[in-house]
Structures are given as C-alpha cells and as structure tokens.
Amino acid sequence: MSDTADLATALRSGDRRALARAITLVESTRDDHREEAESLLGAVLDATGRSIRVGISGPPGSGKSTLIEALGLRVVGQGHRVAVLAVDPSSVRTGGSILGDKTRMVDLGRSDAAFIRPSPTGGSLGGVARRTREAMLCCEAAGFDVVFVETVGVGQSETAVADMVDMFAVVLAPGGGDELQGIKRGIVELADALVINKADGDLAAAAHRAAADYAAALGFVRARSEAWTPTVLECSALENRGVNELWATIESFRASLTAAGEFDIRRQDQARSWMWAELTDTMVDRLRADPDVARRLAEAEQAVIADEILPPVAARAILDA
C-alpha cells in the first residue's frame, strides 16, 4: 500500500497522530504534497460530512477560546468527539501561528475525545486558513462529529468563515453601551447566533443590556434562513453558565434546518464556495509561478507605483498576456 493509502486507513480508524499528519499534509504548499492531499481526501470522502460545523468569531477579548473550551467539555461529556480548528494570525516573518489557542484550552486538550489544531492564516483573508475546509474533512474522516472553527477577530473579510460552516456564531463581550458600534452590520446579518459572553460579576447588567440591544437590532435584519431566526444568548464561560443553552441552540439549529431541507442546501453552497475560492487562489498561484508572467507582474507593479498605468488596466494586461 502507498503511504497515502496507509494514512487514509489510519485516519478512518480515528488515529489522532494520523489526523495531525493529514492536516499537515493538506496545509502544505508543495506541489507534490498537494497531489498527495487530494488523493488522501478522495480516499476518505465517503467518511466525511456527518459532523455539525460551527464557525465561532468575535473581537479579541470576547473570550472565544474560553467559551469553546467550556462548550467542548460539555459536548464531550455527552459522548461526542470534538475537533477545534483554531485559526491564528500568522507571523509575517515566519508564517507560523502567533497566539497558539491550544495553550488556552488545556482542559479540553487533555480529553481523548477532543482534538485541537492551531493553524496560521498564512496571510489569507477572512480570518481563516486557506486549507481550513480540507482540515475539517480530515477531522470528520477521523470520526469527530462536532467541528468548531475559531477565527481571527472581526474584520471586513471575516465573513469568509460563514461560507464554510453550517452555523455561524459571533461571540461578544459587554462593552459599556457601545456594543452595537463595535461590530459590523455584515457580520450581524450572517450570524445564526449572537453570544454575549462574560455575563458575570460587574458585567452581568451590561451583558443583559447588550443582549436586549442586539435582540432589537436583529429585528431589522433579514434572516439568512426561513427555518431559523437568529438568537441572542447570554453566557459566562468562566462560571460555566449558559453553555448548556448554547449547545441546545446548536442542536435546535441543525434540527430546524434539516427538517426544512435547508441543511443540505447549505452544504451544497459550501461546496460551491470552496470551488470558486480554490479556483481564484490557484489561478493567482499559477500566475506567480510562471516565469514570464512573474516578470510582467513585476513590471506592472512598478508602472502602477509610478502612476504610469491604472491598477485595473495593469491587471487586465496581465490576464490578457
């Protein structure tokens, strides 16, 4: 058997080391590794797709990692297997992860039923790594039936994660009455759940006000689904309150969309989005890899910098070439 076939067999058996190796393989940018990764994913494709994929975003300081750990422990306690793909900002010098979310989920990391994988964005827009979708498939093939994708902050392109998960949750912390100004409208429009975290101690009253404000704001936003009305929850990951309600919301979300036939439609949309994202990224990679095009790109960049040509005109000339 080939190494890829052996890895696929080990991955299907739930071997955690095989899962780590598989994700390392799919994240590699080497051409030979890309071929192996595609072969591996093809070999395990029939074992994927059975999880609930939940994207969790939110501004720094909102307590995303603490909440995911509390939620993960709750879900593991119910007999599920949980994978956490924590996408960290990349170092501009080394390309590696900066924050290392695994160090902030110590208790969950000790569980045999949990797998935590920090991955650098590698400069990708949207706060997600380019190969996050493939990493999710690896986790599913290894038998993990709940996959959380924690993403970087809340930025203009952060909504990219909503295209690759079933449910998109935004975690917020009480902020002294400016909550509605602290997050972009587009993020709220895509959220299936808004979670006001840190609803404890002196912040409990502020969290309650924030929840009421967001609930009112959602009334002016058109829901993404006819089968699901976005909900606002208050919780305290620190005190482990509201975590059960959050998991119940996730389960209710899946049941509602499945009953309405929308769950499969979301999966189809995810596949379509993946294809177009891969087409765009691969096209740019090949343009940069071609020696003649690379030379033309360098010349075009200099012409644009010198104000000799407009950027759209330069881009069109490169594509025509």
C-alpha atoms as a PDB file:
ATOM      1  CA  MET A   1       0.000   0.000   0.000  1.00  0.00           C
ATOM      2  CA  SER A   2       1.110   3.561  -0.664  1.00  0.00           C
ATOM      3  CA  ASP A   3       1.850   5.981   2.152  1.00  0.00           C
ATOM      4  CA  THR A   4      -1.312   7.914   1.268  1.00  0.00           C
ATOM      5  CA  ALA A   5      -3.445   4.771   1.435  1.00  0.00           C
ATOM      6  CA  ASP A   6      -1.914   3.844   4.787  1.00  0.00           C
ATOM      7  CA  LEU A   7      -2.593   7.338   6.079  1.00  0.00           C
ATOM      8  CA  ALA A   8      -6.200   7.172   4.861  1.00  0.00           C
ATOM      9  CA  THR A   9      -6.712   3.843   6.658  1.00  0.00           C
ATOM     10  CA  ALA A  10      -5.220   5.194   9.886  1.00  0.00           C
ATOM     11  CA  LEU A  11      -7.305   8.365   9.580  1.00  0.00           C
ATOM     12  CA  ARG A  12     -10.520   6.384   9.211  1.00  0.00           C
ATOM     13  CA  SER A  13      -9.644   4.440  12.359  1.00  0.00           C
ATOM     14  CA  GLY A  14      -9.581   7.673  14.364  1.00  0.00           C
ATOM     15  CA  ASP A  15      -5.806   7.706  14.919  1.00  0.00           C
ATOM     16  CA  ARG A  16      -5.021  11.180  16.296  1.00  0.00           C
ATOM     17  CA  ARG A  17      -1.426  11.159  15.061  1.00  0.00           C
ATOM     18  CA  ALA A  18      -2.690  10.263  11.604  1.00  0.00           C
ATOM     19  CA  LEU A  19      -5.109  13.191  11.810  1.00  0.00           C
ATOM     20  CA  ALA A  20      -2.293  15.570  12.729  1.00  0.00           C
ATOM     21  CA  ARG A  21      -0.204  14.230   9.816  1.00  0.00           C
ATOM     22  CA  ALA A  22      -3.161  14.533   7.441  1.00  0.00           C
ATOM     23  CA  ILE A  23      -3.780  18.179   8.344  1.00  0.00           C
ATOM     24  CA  THR A  24      -0.079  18.955   7.993  1.00  0.00           C
ATOM     25  CA  LEU A  25      -0.221  17.388   4.531  1.00  0.00           C
ATOM     26  CA  VAL A  26      -3.280  19.321   3.356  1.00  0.00           C
ATOM     27  CA  GLU A  27      -1.822  22.582   4.683  1.00  0.00           C
ATOM     28  CA  SER A  28       1.434  22.107   2.739  1.00  0.00           C
ATOM     29  CA  THR A  29       2.034  24.328  -0.283  1.00  0.00           C
ATOM     30  CA  ARG A  30       4.416  21.918  -2.019  1.00  0.00           C
ATOM     31  CA  ASP A  31       3.089  20.697  -5.375  1.00  0.00           C
ATOM     32  CA  ASP A  32       3.829  17.034  -4.628  1.00  0.00           C
ATOM     33  CA  HIS A  33       2.099  17.351  -1.266  1.00  0.00           C
ATOM     34  CA  ARG A  34      -0.945  18.939  -2.909  1.00  0.00           C
ATOM     35  CA  GLU A  35      -1.318  15.872  -5.131  1.00  0.00           C
ATOM     36  CA  GLU A  36      -0.996  13.575  -2.118  1.00  0.00           C
ATOM     37  CA  ALA A  37      -3.507  15.670  -0.166  1.00  0.00           C
ATOM     38  CA  GLU A  38      -6.082  15.492  -2.949  1.00  0.00           C
ATOM     39  CA  SER A  39      -5.552  11.727  -3.196  1.00  0.00           C
ATOM     40  CA  LEU A  40      -5.989  11.382   0.577  1.00  0.00           C
ATOM     41  CA  LEU A  41      -9.175  13.425   0.667  1.00  0.00           C
ATOM     42  CA  GLY A  42     -10.574  11.449  -2.245  1.00  0.00           C
ATOM     43  CA  ALA A  43      -9.909   8.224  -0.339  1.00  0.00           C
ATOM     44  CA  VAL A  44     -11.800   9.345   2.767  1.00  0.00           C
ATOM     45  CA  LEU A  45     -14.504  11.499   1.202  1.00  0.00           C
ATOM     46  CA  ASP A  46     -17.252   8.960   1.862  1.00  0.00           C
ATOM     47  CA  ALA A  47     -16.474   9.146   5.599  1.00  0.00           C
ATOM     48  CA  THR A  48     -16.941  12.931   5.762  1.00  0.00           C
ATOM     49  CA  GLY A  49     -19.932  15.241   6.053  1.00  0.00           C
ATOM     50  CA  ARG A  50     -21.510  13.754   9.171  1.00  0.00           C
ATOM     51  CA  SER A  51     -20.498  16.467  11.636  1.00  0.00           C
ATOM     52  CA  ILE A  52     -22.039  19.771  12.618  1.00  0.00           C
ATOM     53  CA  ARG A  53     -19.655  22.540  11.534  1.00  0.00           C
ATOM     54  CA  VAL A  54     -19.804  25.642  13.708  1.00  0.00           C
ATOM     55  CA  GLY A  55     -17.871  28.824  12.994  1.00  0.00           C
ATOM     56  CA  ILE A  56     -17.132  30.962  16.047  1.00  0.00           C
ATOM     57  CA  SER A  57     -15.916  34.510  15.569  1.00  0.00           C
ATOM     58  CA  GLY A  58     -15.712  37.660  17.616  1.00  0.00           C
ATOM     59  CA  PRO A  59     -13.396  40.510  18.548  1.00  0.00           C
ATOM     60  CA  PRO A  60     -10.248  39.933  20.617  1.00  0.00           C
ATOM     61  CA  GLY A  61     -11.022  39.828  24.319  1.00  0.00           C
ATOM     62  CA  SER A  62     -14.532  38.439  23.911  1.00  0.00           C
ATOM     63  CA  GLY A  63     -13.467  35.110  25.422  1.00  0.00           C
ATOM     64  CA  LYS A  64     -13.870  32.878  22.365  1.00  0.00           C
ATOM     65  CA  SER A  65     -11.278  30.298  23.435  1.00  0.00           C
ATOM     66  CA  THR A  66     -12.625  30.050  26.991  1.00  0.00           C
ATOM     67  CA  LEU A  67     -16.150  29.639  25.661  1.00  0.00           C
ATOM     68  CA  ILE A  68     -15.119  26.991  23.129  1.00  0.00           C
ATOM     69  CA  GLU A  69     -13.327  25.030  25.840  1.00  0.00           C
ATOM     70  CA  ALA A  70     -16.374  25.129  28.143  1.00  0.00           C
ATOM     71  CA  LEU A  71     -18.665  24.177  25.259  1.00  0.00           C
ATOM     72  CA  GLY A  72     -16.286  21.463  24.070  1.00  0.00           C
ATOM     73  CA  LEU A  73     -16.130  19.868  27.513  1.00  0.00           C
ATOM     74  CA  ARG A  74     -19.924  19.956  27.692  1.00  0.00           C
ATOM     75  CA  VAL A  75     -20.273  18.283  24.288  1.00  0.00           C
ATOM     76  CA  VAL A  76     -17.598  15.669  25.019  1.00  0.00           C
ATOM     77  CA  GLY A  77     -19.485  14.849  28.219  1.00  0.00           C
ATOM     78  CA  GLN A  78     -22.476  13.920  26.063  1.00  0.00           C
ATOM     79  CA  GLY A  79     -20.448  11.350  24.145  1.00  0.00           C
ATOM     80  CA  HIS A  80     -19.485  13.434  21.124  1.00  0.00           C
ATOM     81  CA  ARG A  81     -15.996  13.807  19.647  1.00  0.00           C
ATOM     82  CA  VAL A  82     -14.976  17.429  19.247  1.00  0.00           C
ATOM     83  CA  ALA A  83     -12.397  18.956  16.907  1.00  0.00           C
ATOM     84  CA  VAL A  84     -11.325  22.584  17.264  1.00  0.00           C
ATOM     85  CA  LEU A  85      -9.574  24.297  14.376  1.00  0.00           C
ATOM     86  CA  ALA A  86      -8.224  27.482  15.939  1.00  0.00           C
ATOM     87  CA  VAL A  87      -7.039  29.741  13.149  1.00  0.00           C
ATOM     88  CA  ASP A  88      -4.358  32.098  14.470  1.00  0.00           C
ATOM     89  CA  PRO A  89      -2.842  35.215  12.912  1.00  0.00           C
ATOM     90  CA  SER A  90       0.350  34.465  11.034  1.00  0.00           C
ATOM     91  CA  SER A  91       3.731  35.881  11.839  1.00  0.00           C
ATOM     92  CA  VAL A  92       4.841  37.998   8.896  1.00  0.00           C
ATOM     93  CA  ARG A  93       8.385  36.757   9.489  1.00  0.00           C
ATOM     94  CA  THR A  94       7.941  33.008   9.928  1.00  0.00           C
ATOM     95  CA  GLY A  95       4.401  32.346   8.677  1.00  0.00           C
ATOM     96  CA  GLY A  96       3.645  30.436  11.883  1.00  0.00           C
ATOM     97  CA  SER A  97       0.862  30.914  14.404  1.00  0.00           C
ATOM     98  CA  ILE A  98       1.268  33.745  16.900  1.00  0.00           C
ATOM     99  CA  LEU A  99      -1.365  33.146  19.569  1.00  0.00           C
ATOM    100  CA  GLY A 100      -1.422  29.375  19.902  1.00  0.00           C
ATOM    101  CA  ASP A 101      -5.012  28.766  21.070  1.00  0.00           C
ATOM    102  CA  LYS A 102      -4.096  25.245  22.141  1.00  0.00           C
ATOM    103  CA  THR A 103      -2.338  26.723  25.164  1.00  0.00           C
ATOM    104  CA  ARG A 104      -5.634  28.364  26.187  1.00  0.00           C
ATOM    105  CA  MET A 105      -7.714  25.165  26.058  1.00  0.00           C
ATOM    106  CA  VAL A 106      -5.683  22.995  28.400  1.00  0.00           C
ATOM    107  CA  ASP A 107      -8.545  21.015  29.974  1.00  0.00           C
ATOM    108  CA  LEU A 108     -10.204  20.253  26.644  1.00  0.00           C
ATOM    109  CA  GLY A 109      -6.840  19.321  25.159  1.00  0.00           C
ATOM    110  CA  ARG A 110      -6.437  16.574  27.764  1.00  0.00           C
ATOM    111  CA  SER A 111      -9.587  14.782  26.591  1.00  0.00           C
ATOM    112  CA  ASP A 112      -9.147  11.752  24.339  1.00  0.00           C
ATOM    113  CA  ALA A 113     -12.407  12.752  22.645  1.00  0.00           C
ATOM    114  CA  ALA A 114     -11.096  16.176  21.636  1.00  0.00           C
ATOM    115  CA  PHE A 115      -8.582  17.354  19.054  1.00  0.00           C
ATOM    116  CA  ILE A 116      -7.269  20.935  18.934  1.00  0.00           C
ATOM    117  CA  ARG A 117      -5.290  22.219  15.987  1.00  0.00           C
ATOM    118  CA  PRO A 118      -3.935  25.781  15.787  1.00  0.00           C
ATOM    119  CA  SER A 119      -3.319  26.809  12.183  1.00  0.00           C
ATOM    120  CA  PRO A 120      -1.780  30.018  10.806  1.00  0.00           C
ATOM    121  CA  THR A 121      -3.845  32.048   8.351  1.00  0.00           C
ATOM    122  CA  GLY A 122      -0.828  32.264   6.100  1.00  0.00           C
ATOM    123  CA  GLY A 123      -1.967  35.737   5.127  1.00  0.00           C
ATOM    124  CA  SER A 124      -5.368  34.518   3.904  1.00  0.00           C
ATOM    125  CA  LEU A 125      -8.220  36.983   4.017  1.00  0.00           C
ATOM    126  CA  GLY A 126     -11.282  36.224   6.063  1.00  0.00           C
ATOM    127  CA  GLY A 127      -9.502  35.133   9.208  1.00  0.00           C
ATOM    128  CA  VAL A 128      -9.418  31.526   8.077  1.00  0.00           C
ATOM    129  CA  ALA A 129      -6.603  29.417   6.728  1.00  0.00           C
ATOM    130  CA  ARG A 130      -6.783  28.533   3.051  1.00  0.00           C
ATOM    131  CA  ARG A 131      -6.986  24.827   3.846  1.00  0.00           C
ATOM    132  CA  THR A 132      -9.468  25.036   6.724  1.00  0.00           C
ATOM    133  CA  ARG A 133     -12.110  23.280   4.625  1.00  0.00           C
ATOM    134  CA  GLU A 134      -9.787  20.348   3.964  1.00  0.00           C
ATOM    135  CA  ALA A 135      -8.791  20.170   7.622  1.00  0.00           C
ATOM    136  CA  MET A 136     -12.484  19.904   8.520  1.00  0.00           C
ATOM    137  CA  LEU A 137     -12.874  16.928   6.184  1.00  0.00           C
ATOM    138  CA  CYS A 138      -9.861  15.246   7.817  1.00  0.00           C
ATOM    139  CA  CYS A 139     -11.448  15.703  11.253  1.00  0.00           C
ATOM    140  CA  GLU A 140     -14.740  14.257  10.042  1.00  0.00           C
ATOM    141  CA  ALA A 141     -12.993  11.280   8.449  1.00  0.00           C
ATOM    142  CA  ALA A 142     -11.324  10.610  11.813  1.00  0.00           C
ATOM    143  CA  GLY A 143     -14.741  10.376  13.472  1.00  0.00           C
ATOM    144  CA  PHE A 144     -15.120  13.829  15.025  1.00  0.00           C
ATOM    145  CA  ASP A 145     -18.808  14.705  14.798  1.00  0.00           C
ATOM    146  CA  VAL A 146     -18.597  18.279  16.125  1.00  0.00           C
ATOM    147  CA  VAL A 147     -16.145  20.693  14.472  1.00  0.00           C
ATOM    148  CA  PHE A 148     -15.580  24.212  15.794  1.00  0.00           C
ATOM    149  CA  VAL A 149     -13.694  26.724  13.658  1.00  0.00           C
ATOM    150  CA  GLU A 150     -12.439  29.642  15.744  1.00  0.00           C
ATOM    151  CA  THR A 151     -11.406  32.557  13.588  1.00  0.00           C
ATOM    152  CA  VAL A 152      -9.333  35.684  13.936  1.00  0.00           C
ATOM    153  CA  GLY A 153     -11.143  38.759  15.228  1.00  0.00           C
ATOM    154  CA  VAL A 154     -13.930  40.504  13.343  1.00  0.00           C
ATOM    155  CA  GLY A 155     -12.730  42.252  10.208  1.00  0.00           C
ATOM    156  CA  GLN A 156     -14.069  43.247   6.824  1.00  0.00           C
ATOM    157  CA  SER A 157     -13.355  39.820   5.333  1.00  0.00           C
ATOM    158  CA  GLU A 158     -14.190  37.793   8.422  1.00  0.00           C
ATOM    159  CA  THR A 159     -17.469  36.645   6.870  1.00  0.00           C
ATOM    160  CA  ALA A 160     -15.477  34.131   4.801  1.00  0.00           C
ATOM    161  CA  VAL A 161     -15.948  31.604   7.590  1.00  0.00           C
ATOM    162  CA  ALA A 162     -19.734  31.737   7.150  1.00  0.00           C
ATOM    163  CA  ASP A 163     -19.285  30.179   3.702  1.00  0.00           C
ATOM    164  CA  MET A 164     -17.641  27.040   5.072  1.00  0.00           C
ATOM    165  CA  VAL A 165     -19.676  26.166   8.170  1.00  0.00           C
ATOM    166  CA  ASP A 166     -23.258  25.120   8.897  1.00  0.00           C
ATOM    167  CA  MET A 167     -23.794  27.564  11.754  1.00  0.00           C
ATOM    168  CA  PHE A 168     -22.064  30.894  12.338  1.00  0.00           C
ATOM    169  CA  ALA A 169     -21.901  32.254  15.887  1.00  0.00           C
ATOM    170  CA  VAL A 170     -20.458  35.604  16.925  1.00  0.00           C
ATOM    171  CA  VAL A 171     -19.130  35.985  20.477  1.00  0.00           C
ATOM    172  CA  LEU A 172     -19.220  39.448  22.050  1.00  0.00           C
ATOM    173  CA  ALA A 173     -18.309  40.889  25.430  1.00  0.00           C
ATOM    174  CA  PRO A 174     -20.208  43.706  27.158  1.00  0.00           C
ATOM    175  CA  GLY A 175     -18.542  46.979  26.258  1.00  0.00           C
ATOM    176  CA  GLY A 176     -20.125  49.802  28.214  1.00  0.00           C
ATOM    177  CA  GLY A 177     -23.044  50.536  25.913  1.00  0.00           C
ATOM    178  CA  ASP A 178     -21.135  50.744  22.637  1.00  0.00           C
ATOM    179  CA  GLU A 179     -21.763  47.136  21.645  1.00  0.00           C
ATOM    180  CA  LEU A 180     -23.761  47.939  18.519  1.00  0.00           C
ATOM    181  CA  GLN A 181     -20.967  50.168  17.244  1.00  0.00           C
ATOM    182  CA  GLY A 182     -18.285  47.579  17.863  1.00  0.00           C
ATOM    183  CA  ILE A 183     -19.286  45.083  15.208  1.00  0.00           C
ATOM    184  CA  LYS A 184     -20.038  45.450  11.526  1.00  0.00           C
ATOM    185  CA  ARG A 185     -23.577  45.119  10.214  1.00  0.00           C
ATOM    186  CA  GLY A 186     -22.474  42.462   7.716  1.00  0.00           C
ATOM    187  CA  ILE A 187     -21.322  40.159  10.499  1.00  0.00           C
ATOM    188  CA  VAL A 188     -24.645  40.509  12.319  1.00  0.00           C
ATOM    189  CA  GLU A 189     -26.516  39.746   9.106  1.00  0.00           C
ATOM    190  CA  LEU A 190     -24.615  36.473   8.725  1.00  0.00           C
ATOM    191  CA  ALA A 191     -24.816  35.373  12.378  1.00  0.00           C
ATOM    192  CA  ASP A 192     -27.101  32.498  13.281  1.00  0.00           C
ATOM    193  CA  ALA A 193     -26.433  33.225  16.959  1.00  0.00           C
ATOM    194  CA  LEU A 194     -25.003  36.141  18.911  1.00  0.00           C
ATOM    195  CA  VAL A 195     -23.430  35.111  22.205  1.00  0.00           C
ATOM    196  CA  ILE A 196     -22.883  37.774  24.851  1.00  0.00           C
ATOM    197  CA  ASN A 197     -20.069  36.275  26.897  1.00  0.00           C
ATOM    198  CA  LYS A 198     -18.662  37.374  30.261  1.00  0.00           C
ATOM    199  CA  ALA A 199     -22.171  37.852  31.672  1.00  0.00           C
ATOM    200  CA  ASP A 200     -20.907  37.621  35.225  1.00  0.00           C
ATOM    201  CA  GLY A 201     -19.855  39.827  38.142  1.00  0.00           C
ATOM    202  CA  ASP A 202     -19.885  43.543  37.467  1.00  0.00           C
ATOM    203  CA  LEU A 203     -20.542  42.927  33.763  1.00  0.00           C
ATOM    204  CA  ALA A 204     -23.768  40.959  34.256  1.00  0.00           C
ATOM    205  CA  ALA A 205     -26.041  44.001  33.967  1.00  0.00           C
ATOM    206  CA  ALA A 206     -24.137  45.336  30.940  1.00  0.00           C
ATOM    207  CA  ALA A 207     -24.378  41.908  29.285  1.00  0.00           C
ATOM    208  CA  HIS A 208     -28.133  41.875  29.801  1.00  0.00           C
ATOM    209  CA  ARG A 209     -28.460  45.328  28.222  1.00  0.00           C
ATOM    210  CA  ALA A 210     -26.242  44.310  25.310  1.00  0.00           C
ATOM    211  CA  ALA A 211     -28.345  41.204  24.715  1.00  0.00           C
ATOM    212  CA  ALA A 212     -31.505  43.307  24.629  1.00  0.00           C
ATOM    213  CA  ASP A 213     -29.904  45.801  22.227  1.00  0.00           C
ATOM    214  CA  TYR A 214     -28.793  43.080  19.839  1.00  0.00           C
ATOM    215  CA  ALA A 215     -32.126  41.281  20.004  1.00  0.00           C
ATOM    216  CA  ALA A 216     -33.795  44.547  18.983  1.00  0.00           C
ATOM    217  CA  ALA A 217     -31.237  45.135  16.207  1.00  0.00           C
ATOM    218  CA  LEU A 218     -31.799  41.657  14.771  1.00  0.00           C
ATOM    219  CA  GLY A 219     -35.427  42.607  14.245  1.00  0.00           C
ATOM    220  CA  PHE A 220     -34.267  44.915  11.440  1.00  0.00           C
ATOM    221  CA  VAL A 221     -32.042  42.311   9.782  1.00  0.00           C
ATOM    222  CA  ARG A 222     -33.355  39.849   7.247  1.00  0.00           C
ATOM    223  CA  ALA A 223     -32.653  36.291   8.398  1.00  0.00           C
ATOM    224  CA  ARG A 224     -30.483  34.046   6.211  1.00  0.00           C
ATOM    225  CA  SER A 225     -32.892  31.158   6.650  1.00  0.00           C
ATOM    226  CA  GLU A 226     -36.669  30.811   6.603  1.00  0.00           C
ATOM    227  CA  ALA A 227     -36.323  27.922   9.056  1.00  0.00           C
ATOM    228  CA  TRP A 228     -34.226  29.720  11.664  1.00  0.00           C
ATOM    229  CA  THR A 229     -34.497  33.042  13.454  1.00  0.00           C
ATOM    230  CA  PRO A 230     -31.110  34.276  14.737  1.00  0.00           C
ATOM    231  CA  THR A 231     -30.991  34.202  18.516  1.00  0.00           C
ATOM    232  CA  VAL A 232     -29.134  36.119  21.231  1.00  0.00           C
ATOM    233  CA  LEU A 233     -27.770  34.276  24.256  1.00  0.00           C
ATOM    234  CA  GLU A 234     -26.072  35.410  27.451  1.00  0.00           C
ATOM    235  CA  CYS A 235     -23.430  33.204  28.998  1.00  0.00           C
ATOM    236  CA  SER A 236     -20.424  33.108  31.254  1.00  0.00           C
ATOM    237  CA  ALA A 237     -17.742  30.715  30.100  1.00  0.00           C
ATOM    238  CA  LEU A 238     -15.827  31.479  33.295  1.00  0.00           C
ATOM    239  CA  GLU A 239     -18.719  30.377  35.516  1.00  0.00           C
ATOM    240  CA  ASN A 240     -19.947  27.770  33.017  1.00  0.00           C
ATOM    241  CA  ARG A 241     -23.400  29.365  32.803  1.00  0.00           C
ATOM    242  CA  GLY A 242     -25.384  29.470  29.577  1.00  0.00           C
ATOM    243  CA  VAL A 243     -23.109  26.884  27.945  1.00  0.00           C
ATOM    244  CA  ASN A 244     -25.814  24.186  28.005  1.00  0.00           C
ATOM    245  CA  GLU A 245     -28.217  26.630  26.375  1.00  0.00           C
ATOM    246  CA  LEU A 246     -25.675  27.376  23.641  1.00  0.00           C
ATOM    247  CA  TRP A 247     -25.268  23.684  22.804  1.00  0.00           C
ATOM    248  CA  ALA A 248     -29.053  23.249  22.843  1.00  0.00           C
ATOM    249  CA  THR A 249     -29.280  26.146  20.377  1.00  0.00           C
ATOM    250  CA  ILE A 250     -26.776  24.476  18.063  1.00  0.00           C
ATOM    251  CA  GLU A 251     -28.738  21.229  18.176  1.00  0.00           C
ATOM    252  CA  SER A 252     -32.009  23.075  17.582  1.00  0.00           C
ATOM    253  CA  PHE A 253     -30.469  24.925  14.647  1.00  0.00           C
ATOM    254  CA  ARG A 254     -29.396  21.688  12.975  1.00  0.00           C
ATOM    255  CA  ALA A 255     -32.767  20.045  13.573  1.00  0.00           C
ATOM    256  CA  SER A 256     -34.698  23.048  12.216  1.00  0.00           C
ATOM    257  CA  LEU A 257     -32.653  23.362   9.020  1.00  0.00           C
ATOM    258  CA  THR A 258     -32.668  19.598   8.450  1.00  0.00           C
ATOM    259  CA  ALA A 259     -36.457  19.416   8.805  1.00  0.00           C
ATOM    260  CA  ALA A 260     -36.851  22.276   6.306  1.00  0.00           C
ATOM    261  CA  GLY A 261     -34.399  20.740   3.831  1.00  0.00           C
ATOM    262  CA  GLU A 262     -32.063  23.720   4.193  1.00  0.00           C
ATOM    263  CA  PHE A 263     -29.175  21.890   5.857  1.00  0.00           C
ATOM    264  CA  ASP A 264     -28.260  20.039   2.654  1.00  0.00           C
ATOM    265  CA  ILE A 265     -28.615  23.274   0.694  1.00  0.00           C
ATOM    266  CA  ARG A 266     -26.070  24.949   2.995  1.00  0.00           C
ATOM    267  CA  ARG A 267     -23.670  22.055   2.414  1.00  0.00           C
ATOM    268  CA  GLN A 268     -24.110  22.470  -1.350  1.00  0.00           C
ATOM    269  CA  ASP A 269     -23.415  26.194  -1.006  1.00  0.00           C
ATOM    270  CA  GLN A 270     -20.269  25.383   0.991  1.00  0.00           C
ATOM    271  CA  ALA A 271     -19.012  23.117  -1.805  1.00  0.00           C
ATOM    272  CA  ARG A 272     -19.745  25.738  -4.457  1.00  0.00           C
ATOM    273  CA  SER A 273     -17.994  28.446  -2.450  1.00  0.00           C
ATOM    274  CA  TRP A 274     -14.979  26.161  -1.925  1.00  0.00           C
ATOM    275  CA  MET A 275     -14.667  25.526  -5.659  1.00  0.00           C
ATOM    276  CA  TRP A 276     -14.656  29.221  -6.532  1.00  0.00           C
ATOM    277  CA  ALA A 277     -12.251  30.105  -3.714  1.00  0.00           C
ATOM    278  CA  GLU A 278      -9.873  27.370  -4.855  1.00  0.00           C
ATOM    279  CA  LEU A 279     -10.175  28.477  -8.480  1.00  0.00           C
ATOM    280  CA  THR A 280      -9.274  32.057  -7.550  1.00  0.00           C
ATOM    281  CA  ASP A 281      -6.352  31.086  -5.281  1.00  0.00           C
ATOM    282  CA  THR A 282      -4.947  28.529  -7.721  1.00  0.00           C
ATOM    283  CA  MET A 283      -5.142  30.942 -10.633  1.00  0.00           C
ATOM    284  CA  VAL A 284      -3.129  33.536  -8.703  1.00  0.00           C
ATOM    285  CA  ASP A 285      -0.595  30.881  -7.646  1.00  0.00           C
ATOM    286  CA  ARG A 286      -0.068  29.789 -11.234  1.00  0.00           C
ATOM    287  CA  LEU A 287       0.283  33.357 -12.453  1.00  0.00           C
ATOM    288  CA  ARG A 288       3.010  33.994  -9.898  1.00  0.00           C
ATOM    289  CA  ALA A 289       4.736  30.674 -10.661  1.00  0.00           C
ATOM    290  CA  ASP A 290       5.044  31.304 -14.406  1.00  0.00           C
ATOM    291  CA  PRO A 291       8.435  32.995 -15.082  1.00  0.00           C
ATOM    292  CA  ASP A 292       7.177  35.137 -17.963  1.00  0.00           C
ATOM    293  CA  VAL A 293       4.054  36.240 -16.073  1.00  0.00           C
ATOM    294  CA  ALA A 294       6.115  36.889 -12.927  1.00  0.00           C
ATOM    295  CA  ARG A 295       8.318  39.237 -14.953  1.00  0.00           C
ATOM    296  CA  ARG A 296       5.275  41.004 -16.369  1.00  0.00           C
ATOM    297  CA  LEU A 297       3.793  41.261 -12.864  1.00  0.00           C
ATOM    298  CA  ALA A 298       6.939  42.952 -11.559  1.00  0.00           C
ATOM    299  CA  GLU A 299       6.907  45.403 -14.463  1.00  0.00           C
ATOM    300  CA  ALA A 300       3.196  46.096 -13.974  1.00  0.00           C
ATOM    301  CA  GLU A 301       3.706  46.725 -10.252  1.00  0.00           C
ATOM    302  CA  GLN A 302       6.416  49.271 -10.957  1.00  0.00           C
ATOM    303  CA  ALA A 303       4.233  51.003 -13.562  1.00  0.00           C
ATOM    304  CA  VAL A 304       1.338  51.180 -11.115  1.00  0.00           C
ATOM    305  CA  ILE A 305       3.569  52.532  -8.336  1.00  0.00           C
ATOM    306  CA  ALA A 306       4.902  55.202 -10.710  1.00  0.00           C
ATOM    307  CA  ASP A 307       1.339  56.222 -11.656  1.00  0.00           C
ATOM    308  CA  GLU A 308       2.044  55.324 -15.281  1.00  0.00           C
ATOM    309  CA  ILE A 309      -0.942  52.993 -15.538  1.00  0.00           C
ATOM    310  CA  LEU A 310      -4.124  52.345 -13.613  1.00  0.00           C
ATOM    311  CA  PRO A 311      -4.217  49.130 -11.487  1.00  0.00           C
ATOM    312  CA  PRO A 312      -7.292  47.735 -13.318  1.00  0.00           C
ATOM    313  CA  VAL A 313      -5.589  48.275 -16.673  1.00  0.00           C
ATOM    314  CA  ALA A 314      -2.421  46.564 -15.408  1.00  0.00           C
ATOM    315  CA  ALA A 315      -4.411  43.608 -14.072  1.00  0.00           C
ATOM    316  CA  ARG A 316      -6.273  43.204 -17.374  1.00  0.00           C
ATOM    317  CA  ALA A 317      -2.989  43.318 -19.312  1.00  0.00           C
ATOM    318  CA  ILE A 318      -1.569  40.517 -17.146  1.00  0.00           C
ATOM    319  CA  LEU A 319      -4.655  38.355 -17.690  1.00  0.00           C
ATOM    320  CA  ASP A 320      -4.610  39.019 -21.452  1.00  0.00           C
ATOM    321  CA  ALA A 321      -0.948  38.041 -21.570  1.00  0.00           C
END
